[in-house]
Amino acid sequence: MKLSAGASGEHTRQFGGRTPSGMHPGMGTTNKLNHRAQYWSGRAKETVGRLTGNRRTQREGVLDQVKANLKDQRERMRDTFRSRRAR
């Protein structure tokens, strides 16, 4: 058992490079928050495009939402495979 700095600079207890819960420290939370921010940004862009009648902005908003959802799904799959590999 060793102590090392996590992604946010705080010290976290790790076991073989992982936290006691089996997750890599600081990896998932930031990415998931960024994906949620991208999703809601796309949602706002889609709404603005719809209200102004600008189809291009509306499509860009939908595309941002799709990208964020795909990234979130990829992150969930990574977490699933990492948790299975840690067993």
C-alpha atoms as a PDB file:
ATOM      1  CA  MET A   1       0.000   0.000   0.000  1.00  0.00           C
ATOM      2  CA  LYS A   2       1.395   3.383  -0.982  1.00  0.00           C
ATOM      3  CA  LEU A   3       0.319   7.005  -0.971  1.00  0.00           C
ATOM      4  CA  SER A   4       0.544   9.016  -4.157  1.00  0.00           C
ATOM      5  CA  ALA A   5      -0.882  12.208  -5.574  1.00  0.00           C
ATOM      6  CA  GLY A   6      -4.200  11.876  -7.397  1.00  0.00           C
ATOM      7  CA  ALA A   7      -5.170  13.757 -10.526  1.00  0.00           C
ATOM      8  CA  SER A   8      -6.406  16.717  -8.505  1.00  0.00           C
ATOM      9  CA  GLY A   9      -3.225  16.919  -6.435  1.00  0.00           C
ATOM     10  CA  GLU A  10      -4.650  15.459  -3.242  1.00  0.00           C
ATOM     11  CA  HIS A  11      -3.156  12.334  -1.743  1.00  0.00           C
ATOM     12  CA  THR A  12      -5.197   9.198  -2.231  1.00  0.00           C
ATOM     13  CA  ARG A  13      -4.598   5.743  -0.899  1.00  0.00           C
ATOM     14  CA  GLN A  14      -3.961   3.338  -3.746  1.00  0.00           C
ATOM     15  CA  PHE A  15      -3.557  -0.382  -4.061  1.00  0.00           C
ATOM     16  CA  GLY A  16      -1.478  -1.386  -7.060  1.00  0.00           C
ATOM     17  CA  GLY A  17      -2.234   1.826  -8.951  1.00  0.00           C
ATOM     18  CA  ARG A  18      -5.949   1.723  -8.151  1.00  0.00           C
ATOM     19  CA  THR A  19      -8.129   3.142  -5.421  1.00  0.00           C
ATOM     20  CA  PRO A  20      -9.770   0.699  -2.984  1.00  0.00           C
ATOM     21  CA  SER A  21     -12.961   0.851  -5.104  1.00  0.00           C
ATOM     22  CA  GLY A  22     -11.012  -0.408  -8.143  1.00  0.00           C
ATOM     23  CA  MET A  23     -11.283   2.809 -10.163  1.00  0.00           C
ATOM     24  CA  HIS A  24      -8.311   4.719 -11.495  1.00  0.00           C
ATOM     25  CA  PRO A  25      -8.003   7.897  -9.417  1.00  0.00           C
ATOM     26  CA  GLY A  26      -9.466  11.068 -10.887  1.00  0.00           C
ATOM     27  CA  MET A  27     -10.142   9.578 -14.289  1.00  0.00           C
ATOM     28  CA  GLY A  28     -13.889   9.192 -14.558  1.00  0.00           C
ATOM     29  CA  THR A  29     -15.391  12.152 -12.772  1.00  0.00           C
ATOM     30  CA  THR A  30     -13.741  14.905 -14.797  1.00  0.00           C
ATOM     31  CA  ASN A  31     -14.472  13.199 -18.102  1.00  0.00           C
ATOM     32  CA  LYS A  32     -18.088  12.586 -17.178  1.00  0.00           C
ATOM     33  CA  LEU A  33     -18.554  16.195 -16.130  1.00  0.00           C
ATOM     34  CA  ASN A  34     -17.014  17.385 -19.393  1.00  0.00           C
ATOM     35  CA  HIS A  35     -19.336  15.101 -21.352  1.00  0.00           C
ATOM     36  CA  ARG A  36     -22.375  16.401 -19.474  1.00  0.00           C
ATOM     37  CA  ALA A  37     -21.249  19.988 -20.116  1.00  0.00           C
ATOM     38  CA  GLN A  38     -20.864  19.238 -23.832  1.00  0.00           C
ATOM     39  CA  TYR A  39     -24.320  17.632 -23.887  1.00  0.00           C
ATOM     40  CA  TRP A  40     -26.036  20.602 -22.250  1.00  0.00           C
ATOM     41  CA  SER A  41     -24.089  23.032 -24.430  1.00  0.00           C
ATOM     42  CA  GLY A  42     -25.377  21.171 -27.477  1.00  0.00           C
ATOM     43  CA  ARG A  43     -28.881  21.206 -26.060  1.00  0.00           C
ATOM     44  CA  ALA A  44     -28.703  24.981 -25.631  1.00  0.00           C
ATOM     45  CA  LYS A  45     -27.268  25.409 -29.134  1.00  0.00           C
ATOM     46  CA  GLU A  46     -30.063  23.283 -30.587  1.00  0.00           C
ATOM     47  CA  THR A  47     -32.685  25.366 -28.771  1.00  0.00           C
ATOM     48  CA  VAL A  48     -31.150  28.662 -29.942  1.00  0.00           C
ATOM     49  CA  GLY A  49     -31.048  27.333 -33.498  1.00  0.00           C
ATOM     50  CA  ARG A  50     -34.670  26.286 -33.299  1.00  0.00           C
ATOM     51  CA  LEU A  51     -35.775  29.637 -31.864  1.00  0.00           C
ATOM     52  CA  THR A  52     -33.861  31.686 -34.424  1.00  0.00           C
ATOM     53  CA  GLY A  53     -34.699  29.413 -37.347  1.00  0.00           C
ATOM     54  CA  ASN A  54     -31.013  28.698 -37.969  1.00  0.00           C
ATOM     55  CA  ARG A  55     -30.907  25.076 -39.087  1.00  0.00           C
ATOM     56  CA  ARG A  56     -27.119  24.907 -39.088  1.00  0.00           C
ATOM     57  CA  THR A  57     -26.878  25.908 -35.413  1.00  0.00           C
ATOM     58  CA  GLN A  58     -29.654  23.478 -34.588  1.00  0.00           C
ATOM     59  CA  ARG A  59     -27.815  20.608 -36.331  1.00  0.00           C
ATOM     60  CA  GLU A  60     -24.541  21.522 -34.612  1.00  0.00           C
ATOM     61  CA  GLY A  61     -26.345  21.339 -31.272  1.00  0.00           C
ATOM     62  CA  VAL A  62     -27.730  17.896 -32.028  1.00  0.00           C
ATOM     63  CA  LEU A  63     -24.284  16.770 -33.192  1.00  0.00           C
ATOM     64  CA  ASP A  64     -22.704  18.011 -29.937  1.00  0.00           C
ATOM     65  CA  GLN A  65     -25.262  16.023 -27.971  1.00  0.00           C
ATOM     66  CA  VAL A  66     -24.562  12.859 -29.955  1.00  0.00           C
ATOM     67  CA  LYS A  67     -20.798  13.275 -29.514  1.00  0.00           C
ATOM     68  CA  ALA A  68     -21.187  13.750 -25.757  1.00  0.00           C
ATOM     69  CA  ASN A  69     -23.389  10.672 -25.458  1.00  0.00           C
ATOM     70  CA  LEU A  70     -20.917   8.558 -27.443  1.00  0.00           C
ATOM     71  CA  LYS A  71     -18.027   9.718 -25.267  1.00  0.00           C
ATOM     72  CA  ASP A  72     -20.051   8.951 -22.142  1.00  0.00           C
ATOM     73  CA  GLN A  73     -20.854   5.455 -23.417  1.00  0.00           C
ATOM     74  CA  ARG A  74     -17.164   4.855 -24.217  1.00  0.00           C
ATOM     75  CA  GLU A  75     -16.252   5.928 -20.680  1.00  0.00           C
ATOM     76  CA  ARG A  76     -18.849   3.555 -19.208  1.00  0.00           C
ATOM     77  CA  MET A  77     -17.510   0.670 -21.283  1.00  0.00           C
ATOM     78  CA  ARG A  78     -13.972   1.435 -20.111  1.00  0.00           C
ATOM     79  CA  ASP A  79     -15.106   1.465 -16.503  1.00  0.00           C
ATOM     80  CA  THR A  80     -16.886  -1.862 -16.995  1.00  0.00           C
ATOM     81  CA  PHE A  81     -13.875  -3.561 -18.545  1.00  0.00           C
ATOM     82  CA  ARG A  82     -11.509  -2.125 -15.942  1.00  0.00           C
ATOM     83  CA  SER A  83     -13.701  -3.322 -13.098  1.00  0.00           C
ATOM     84  CA  ARG A  84     -13.898  -6.802 -14.619  1.00  0.00           C
ATOM     85  CA  ARG A  85     -10.132  -6.912 -15.175  1.00  0.00           C
ATOM     86  CA  ALA A  86      -9.482  -5.890 -11.579  1.00  0.00           C
ATOM     87  CA  ARG A  87     -11.298  -8.969 -10.202  1.00  0.00           C
END
